[in-house]
PDB file of N, CA and C in Angstrom:
ATOM      1  N   UNK A   1     105.815  88.624  61.059  1.00  0.00           N
ATOM      2  CA  UNK A   1     106.014  88.840  62.477  1.00  0.00           C
ATOM      3  C   UNK A   1     107.405  89.402  62.724  1.00  0.00           C
ATOM      4  N   UNK A   2     107.479  90.218  63.717  1.00  0.00           N
ATOM      5  CA  UNK A   2     108.758  90.818  64.076  1.00  0.00           C
ATOM      6  C   UNK A   2     109.532  89.886  64.995  1.00  0.00           C
ATOM      7  N   UNK A   3     110.811  90.173  65.148  1.00  0.00           N
ATOM      8  CA  UNK A   3     111.681  89.340  65.961  1.00  0.00           C
ATOM      9  C   UNK A   3     111.208  89.161  67.379  1.00  0.00           C
ATOM     10  N   UNK A   4     110.778  90.258  68.015  1.00  0.00           N
ATOM     11  CA  UNK A   4     110.325  90.184  69.411  1.00  0.00           C
ATOM     12  C   UNK A   4     109.075  89.314  69.534  1.00  0.00           C
ATOM     13  N   UNK A   5     108.152  89.422  68.564  1.00  0.00           N
ATOM     14  CA  UNK A   5     106.948  88.588  68.579  1.00  0.00           C
ATOM     15  C   UNK A   5     107.317  87.114  68.469  1.00  0.00           C
ATOM     16  N   UNK A   6     108.259  86.811  67.588  1.00  0.00           N
ATOM     17  CA  UNK A   6     108.685  85.424  67.407  1.00  0.00           C
ATOM     18  C   UNK A   6     109.302  84.856  68.680  1.00  0.00           C
ATOM     19  N   UNK A   7     110.061  85.683  69.376  1.00  0.00           N
ATOM     20  CA  UNK A   7     110.668  85.253  70.644  1.00  0.00           C
ATOM     21  C   UNK A   7     109.568  84.958  71.665  1.00  0.00           C
ATOM     22  N   UNK A   8     108.594  85.846  71.769  1.00  0.00           N
ATOM     23  CA  UNK A   8     107.495  85.645  72.717  1.00  0.00           C
ATOM     24  C   UNK A   8     106.689  84.396  72.372  1.00  0.00           C
ATOM     25  N   UNK A   9     106.428  84.191  71.092  1.00  0.00           N
ATOM     26  CA  UNK A   9     105.678  83.008  70.670  1.00  0.00           C
ATOM     27  C   UNK A   9     106.457  81.746  71.013  1.00  0.00           C
ATOM     28  N   UNK A  10     107.746  81.747  70.756  1.00  0.00           N
ATOM     29  CA  UNK A  10     108.569  80.573  71.075  1.00  0.00           C
ATOM     30  C   UNK A  10     108.561  80.295  72.572  1.00  0.00           C
ATOM     31  N   UNK A  11     108.636  81.351  73.389  1.00  0.00           N
ATOM     32  CA  UNK A  11     108.599  81.170  74.844  1.00  0.00           C
ATOM     33  C   UNK A  11     107.269  80.572  75.283  1.00  0.00           C
ATOM     34  N   UNK A  12     106.176  81.069  74.693  1.00  0.00           N
ATOM     35  CA  UNK A  12     104.853  80.536  75.035  1.00  0.00           C
ATOM     36  C   UNK A  12     104.725  79.079  74.595  1.00  0.00           C
ATOM     37  N   UNK A  13     105.254  78.754  73.424  1.00  0.00           N
ATOM     38  CA  UNK A  13     105.223  77.376  72.936  1.00  0.00           C
ATOM     39  C   UNK A  13     106.008  76.458  73.867  1.00  0.00           C
ATOM     40  N   UNK A  14     107.122  76.960  74.377  1.00  0.00           N
ATOM     41  CA  UNK A  14     107.943  76.173  75.300  1.00  0.00           C
ATOM     42  C   UNK A  14     107.226  75.957  76.632  1.00  0.00           C
ATOM     43  N   UNK A  15     106.472  76.949  77.084  1.00  0.00           N
ATOM     44  CA  UNK A  15     105.781  76.868  78.370  1.00  0.00           C
ATOM     45  C   UNK A  15     104.499  76.054  78.298  1.00  0.00           C
ATOM     46  N   UNK A  16     103.829  76.092  77.157  1.00  0.00           N
ATOM     47  CA  UNK A  16     102.498  75.497  77.073  1.00  0.00           C
ATOM     48  C   UNK A  16     102.335  74.646  75.812  1.00  0.00           C
ATOM     49  N   UNK A  17     102.255  73.328  75.994  1.00  0.00           N
ATOM     50  CA  UNK A  17     102.008  72.459  74.837  1.00  0.00           C
ATOM     51  C   UNK A  17     100.688  72.803  74.133  1.00  0.00           C
ATOM     52  N   UNK A  18      99.699  73.215  74.902  1.00  0.00           N
ATOM     53  CA  UNK A  18      98.400  73.592  74.315  1.00  0.00           C
ATOM     54  C   UNK A  18      98.572  74.817  73.413  1.00  0.00           C
ATOM     55  N   UNK A  19      99.334  75.797  73.867  1.00  0.00           N
ATOM     56  CA  UNK A  19      99.581  76.989  73.049  1.00  0.00           C
ATOM     57  C   UNK A  19     100.301  76.587  71.764  1.00  0.00           C
ATOM     58  N   UNK A  20     101.296  75.706  71.879  1.00  0.00           N
ATOM     59  CA  UNK A  20     102.047  75.257  70.701  1.00  0.00           C
ATOM     60  C   UNK A  20     101.109  74.614  69.688  1.00  0.00           C
ATOM     61  N   UNK A  21     100.231  73.731  70.147  1.00  0.00           N
ATOM     62  CA  UNK A  21      99.293  73.052  69.251  1.00  0.00           C
ATOM     63  C   UNK A  21      98.342  74.052  68.597  1.00  0.00           C
ATOM     64  N   UNK A  22      97.831  74.986  69.375  1.00  0.00           N
ATOM     65  CA  UNK A  22      96.930  76.010  68.837  1.00  0.00           C
ATOM     66  C   UNK A  22      97.646  76.887  67.807  1.00  0.00           C
ATOM     67  N   UNK A  23      98.886  77.251  68.096  1.00  0.00           N
ATOM     68  CA  UNK A  23      99.648  78.084  67.170  1.00  0.00           C
ATOM     69  C   UNK A  23      99.897  77.348  65.857  1.00  0.00           C
ATOM     70  N   UNK A  24     100.251  76.076  65.948  1.00  0.00           N
ATOM     71  CA  UNK A  24     100.477  75.285  64.736  1.00  0.00           C
ATOM     72  C   UNK A  24      99.197  75.154  63.921  1.00  0.00           C
ATOM     73  N   UNK A  25      98.070  74.910  64.603  1.00  0.00           N
ATOM     74  CA  UNK A  25      96.780  74.823  63.911  1.00  0.00           C
ATOM     75  C   UNK A  25      96.439  76.160  63.260  1.00  0.00           C
ATOM     76  N   UNK A  26      96.733  77.246  63.949  1.00  0.00           N
ATOM     77  CA  UNK A  26      96.474  78.587  63.427  1.00  0.00           C
ATOM     78  C   UNK A  26      97.256  78.808  62.128  1.00  0.00           C
ATOM     79  N   UNK A  27      98.519  78.393  62.124  1.00  0.00           N
ATOM     80  CA  UNK A  27      99.353  78.545  60.928  1.00  0.00           C
ATOM     81  C   UNK A  27      98.802  77.721  59.759  1.00  0.00           C
ATOM     82  N   UNK A  28      98.382  76.493  60.038  1.00  0.00           N
ATOM     83  CA  UNK A  28      97.822  75.627  58.995  1.00  0.00           C
ATOM     84  C   UNK A  28      96.552  76.241  58.418  1.00  0.00           C
ATOM     85  N   UNK A  29      95.672  76.708  59.297  1.00  0.00           N
ATOM     86  CA  UNK A  29      94.428  77.326  58.835  1.00  0.00           C
ATOM     87  C   UNK A  29      94.708  78.573  58.005  1.00  0.00           C
ATOM     88  N   UNK A  30      95.703  79.343  58.411  1.00  0.00           N
ATOM     89  CA  UNK A  30      96.073  80.552  57.665  1.00  0.00           C
ATOM     90  C   UNK A  30      96.491  80.190  56.237  1.00  0.00           C
ATOM     91  N   UNK A  31      97.306  79.153  56.100  1.00  0.00           N
ATOM     92  CA  UNK A  31      97.754  78.719  54.773  1.00  0.00           C
ATOM     93  C   UNK A  31      96.590  78.216  53.932  1.00  0.00           C
ATOM     94  N   UNK A  32      95.677  77.464  54.555  1.00  0.00           N
ATOM     95  CA  UNK A  32      94.525  76.954  53.822  1.00  0.00           C
ATOM     96  C   UNK A  32      93.607  78.092  53.366  1.00  0.00           C
ATOM     97  N   UNK A  33      93.425  79.076  54.221  1.00  0.00           N
ATOM     98  CA  UNK A  33      92.597  80.228  53.855  1.00  0.00           C
ATOM     99  C   UNK A  33      93.238  81.027  52.730  1.00  0.00           C
ATOM    100  N   UNK A  34      94.545  81.197  52.785  1.00  0.00           N
ATOM    101  CA  UNK A  34      95.246  81.905  51.711  1.00  0.00           C
ATOM    102  C   UNK A  34      95.082  81.178  50.381  1.00  0.00           C
ATOM    103  N   UNK A  35      95.136  79.852  50.419  1.00  0.00           N
ATOM    104  CA  UNK A  35      94.952  79.067  49.198  1.00  0.00           C
ATOM    105  C   UNK A  35      93.549  79.267  48.631  1.00  0.00           C
ATOM    106  N   UNK A  36      92.553  79.274  49.493  1.00  0.00           N
ATOM    107  CA  UNK A  36      91.183  79.500  49.033  1.00  0.00           C
ATOM    108  C   UNK A  36      91.016  80.920  48.496  1.00  0.00           C
ATOM    109  N   UNK A  37      91.666  81.870  49.142  1.00  0.00           N
ATOM    110  CA  UNK A  37      91.549  83.268  48.710  1.00  0.00           C
ATOM    111  C   UNK A  37      92.196  83.502  47.348  1.00  0.00           C
ATOM    112  N   UNK A  38      93.071  82.611  46.925  1.00  0.00           N
ATOM    113  CA  UNK A  38      93.713  82.747  45.614  1.00  0.00           C
ATOM    114  C   UNK A  38      92.776  82.350  44.473  1.00  0.00           C
ATOM    115  N   UNK A  39      91.723  81.615  44.813  1.00  0.00           N
ATOM    116  CA  UNK A  39      90.784  81.167  43.782  1.00  0.00           C
ATOM    117  C   UNK A  39      89.898  82.326  43.346  1.00  0.00           C
ATOM    118  N   UNK A  40      89.609  82.353  42.071  1.00  0.00           N
ATOM    119  CA  UNK A  40      88.730  83.403  41.529  1.00  0.00           C
ATOM    120  C   UNK A  40      87.282  83.171  41.940  1.00  0.00           C
ATOM    121  N   UNK A  41      86.913  81.911  42.126  1.00  0.00           N
ATOM    122  CA  UNK A  41      85.539  81.566  42.461  1.00  0.00           C
ATOM    123  C   UNK A  41      85.535  80.397  43.428  1.00  0.00           C
ATOM    124  N   UNK A  42      84.693  80.473  44.454  1.00  0.00           N
ATOM    125  CA  UNK A  42      84.555  79.380  45.401  1.00  0.00           C
ATOM    126  C   UNK A  42      83.207  78.708  45.204  1.00  0.00           C
ATOM    127  N   UNK A  43      83.220  77.383  45.237  1.00  0.00           N
ATOM    128  CA  UNK A  43      81.965  76.651  45.193  1.00  0.00           C
ATOM    129  C   UNK A  43      81.251  76.885  46.525  1.00  0.00           C
ATOM    130  N   UNK A  44      79.966  76.595  46.590  1.00  0.00           N
ATOM    131  CA  UNK A  44      79.261  76.738  47.878  1.00  0.00           C
ATOM    132  C   UNK A  44      79.916  75.908  48.992  1.00  0.00           C
ATOM    133  N   UNK A  45      80.412  74.728  48.641  1.00  0.00           N
ATOM    134  CA  UNK A  45      81.083  73.885  49.642  1.00  0.00           C
ATOM    135  C   UNK A  45      82.378  74.529  50.119  1.00  0.00           C
ATOM    136  N   UNK A  46      83.128  75.104  49.185  1.00  0.00           N
ATOM    137  CA  UNK A  46      84.374  75.779  49.553  1.00  0.00           C
ATOM    138  C   UNK A  46      84.098  77.016  50.399  1.00  0.00           C
ATOM    139  N   UNK A  47      83.053  77.741  50.080  1.00  0.00           N
ATOM    140  CA  UNK A  47      82.689  78.928  50.858  1.00  0.00           C
ATOM    141  C   UNK A  47      82.322  78.534  52.285  1.00  0.00           C
ATOM    142  N   UNK A  48      81.569  77.442  52.409  1.00  0.00           N
ATOM    143  CA  UNK A  48      81.194  76.946  53.732  1.00  0.00           C
ATOM    144  C   UNK A  48      82.435  76.508  54.511  1.00  0.00           C
ATOM    145  N   UNK A  49      83.340  75.806  53.830  1.00  0.00           N
ATOM    146  CA  UNK A  49      84.583  75.364  54.466  1.00  0.00           C
ATOM    147  C   UNK A  49      85.426  76.572  54.879  1.00  0.00           C
ATOM    148  N   UNK A  50      85.462  77.595  54.050  1.00  0.00           N
ATOM    149  CA  UNK A  50      86.212  78.815  54.353  1.00  0.00           C
ATOM    150  C   UNK A  50      85.685  79.470  55.625  1.00  0.00           C
ATOM    151  N   UNK A  51      84.369  79.566  55.736  1.00  0.00           N
ATOM    152  CA  UNK A  51      83.764  80.171  56.931  1.00  0.00           C
ATOM    153  C   UNK A  51      84.068  79.331  58.172  1.00  0.00           C
ATOM    154  N   UNK A  52      84.031  78.010  58.011  1.00  0.00           N
ATOM    155  CA  UNK A  52      84.336  77.119  59.131  1.00  0.00           C
ATOM    156  C   UNK A  52      85.786  77.319  59.582  1.00  0.00           C
ATOM    157  N   UNK A  53      86.703  77.416  58.617  1.00  0.00           N
ATOM    158  CA  UNK A  53      88.115  77.626  58.946  1.00  0.00           C
ATOM    159  C   UNK A  53      88.320  78.963  59.644  1.00  0.00           C
ATOM    160  N   UNK A  54      87.628  80.002  59.182  1.00  0.00           N
ATOM    161  CA  UNK A  54      87.757  81.317  59.814  1.00  0.00           C
ATOM    162  C   UNK A  54      87.311  81.259  61.267  1.00  0.00           C
ATOM    163  N   UNK A  55      86.208  80.556  61.534  1.00  0.00           N
ATOM    164  CA  UNK A  55      85.707  80.443  62.904  1.00  0.00           C
ATOM    165  C   UNK A  55      86.674  79.658  63.776  1.00  0.00           C
ATOM    166  N   UNK A  56      87.230  78.557  63.242  1.00  0.00           N
ATOM    167  CA  UNK A  56      88.200  77.776  63.994  1.00  0.00           C
ATOM    168  C   UNK A  56      89.450  78.589  64.291  1.00  0.00           C
ATOM    169  N   UNK A  57      89.894  79.344  63.312  1.00  0.00           N
ATOM    170  CA  UNK A  57      91.085  80.177  63.480  1.00  0.00           C
ATOM    171  C   UNK A  57      90.854  81.235  64.569  1.00  0.00           C
ATOM    172  N   UNK A  58      89.694  81.869  64.543  1.00  0.00           N
ATOM    173  CA  UNK A  58      89.369  82.888  65.540  1.00  0.00           C
ATOM    174  C   UNK A  58      89.254  82.284  66.936  1.00  0.00           C
ATOM    175  N   UNK A  59      88.595  81.134  67.031  1.00  0.00           N
ATOM    176  CA  UNK A  59      88.464  80.474  68.335  1.00  0.00           C
ATOM    177  C   UNK A  59      89.834  80.094  68.883  1.00  0.00           C
ATOM    178  N   UNK A  60      90.714  79.607  68.010  1.00  0.00           N
ATOM    179  CA  UNK A  60      92.069  79.269  68.435  1.00  0.00           C
ATOM    180  C   UNK A  60      92.839  80.481  68.898  1.00  0.00           C
ATOM    181  N   UNK A  61      92.686  81.582  68.168  1.00  0.00           N
ATOM    182  CA  UNK A  61      93.378  82.813  68.549  1.00  0.00           C
ATOM    183  C   UNK A  61      92.882  83.309  69.910  1.00  0.00           C
ATOM    184  N   UNK A  62      91.561  83.234  70.116  1.00  0.00           N
ATOM    185  CA  UNK A  62      91.012  83.636  71.414  1.00  0.00           C
ATOM    186  C   UNK A  62      91.597  82.795  72.545  1.00  0.00           C
ATOM    187  N   UNK A  63      91.709  81.477  72.314  1.00  0.00           N
ATOM    188  CA  UNK A  63      92.267  80.618  73.357  1.00  0.00           C
ATOM    189  C   UNK A  63      93.754  80.901  73.568  1.00  0.00           C
ATOM    190  N   UNK A  64      94.482  81.190  72.491  1.00  0.00           N
ATOM    191  CA  UNK A  64      95.898  81.542  72.645  1.00  0.00           C
ATOM    192  C   UNK A  64      96.033  82.813  73.478  1.00  0.00           C
ATOM    193  N   UNK A  65      95.150  83.766  73.272  1.00  0.00           N
ATOM    194  CA  UNK A  65      95.201  85.010  74.053  1.00  0.00           C
ATOM    195  C   UNK A  65      94.905  84.734  75.528  1.00  0.00           C
ATOM    196  N   UNK A  66      93.970  83.817  75.804  1.00  0.00           N
ATOM    197  CA  UNK A  66      93.684  83.453  77.200  1.00  0.00           C
ATOM    198  C   UNK A  66      94.911  82.813  77.850  1.00  0.00           C
ATOM    199  N   UNK A  67      95.550  81.917  77.125  1.00  0.00           N
ATOM    200  CA  UNK A  67      96.756  81.262  77.644  1.00  0.00           C
ATOM    201  C   UNK A  67      97.831  82.315  77.902  1.00  0.00           C
ATOM    202  N   UNK A  68      97.962  83.240  76.999  1.00  0.00           N
ATOM    203  CA  UNK A  68      98.946  84.318  77.118  1.00  0.00           C
ATOM    204  C   UNK A  68      98.695  85.118  78.402  1.00  0.00           C
ATOM    205  N   UNK A  69      97.449  85.473  78.639  1.00  0.00           N
ATOM    206  CA  UNK A  69      97.101  86.225  79.854  1.00  0.00           C
ATOM    207  C   UNK A  69      97.353  85.387  81.106  1.00  0.00           C
ATOM    208  N   UNK A  70      96.976  84.105  81.050  1.00  0.00           N
ATOM    209  CA  UNK A  70      97.151  83.223  82.215  1.00  0.00           C
ATOM    210  C   UNK A  70      98.631  83.050  82.568  1.00  0.00           C
ATOM    211  N   UNK A  71      99.486  83.037  81.558  1.00  0.00           N
ATOM    212  CA  UNK A  71     100.922  82.870  81.791  1.00  0.00           C
ATOM    213  C   UNK A  71     101.619  84.192  82.078  1.00  0.00           C
ATOM    214  N   UNK A  72     100.874  85.283  82.000  1.00  0.00           N
ATOM    215  CA  UNK A  72     101.439  86.587  82.323  1.00  0.00           C
ATOM    216  C   UNK A  72     102.309  87.175  81.242  1.00  0.00           C
ATOM    217  N   UNK A  73     102.071  86.792  79.994  1.00  0.00           N
ATOM    218  CA  UNK A  73     102.878  87.315  78.868  1.00  0.00           C
ATOM    219  C   UNK A  73     102.252  88.569  78.335  1.00  0.00           C
TER     220      UNK A  73
END
């Protein structure tokens, strides 16, 4: 992320506790997905978990964008 993006994210986190929680969850999911992507092979359970994490991450991002629009950012 660039400096300006980080500033905007910090401002949104300061304005909205919900945005802060969603952003933190997004970061955690990103790290977990990266860890799974490092594996050469995923078990069926891991593949299912990966898809679940991707959906949660996308839903969180969508909600962060709604909060962003609502706050006029």
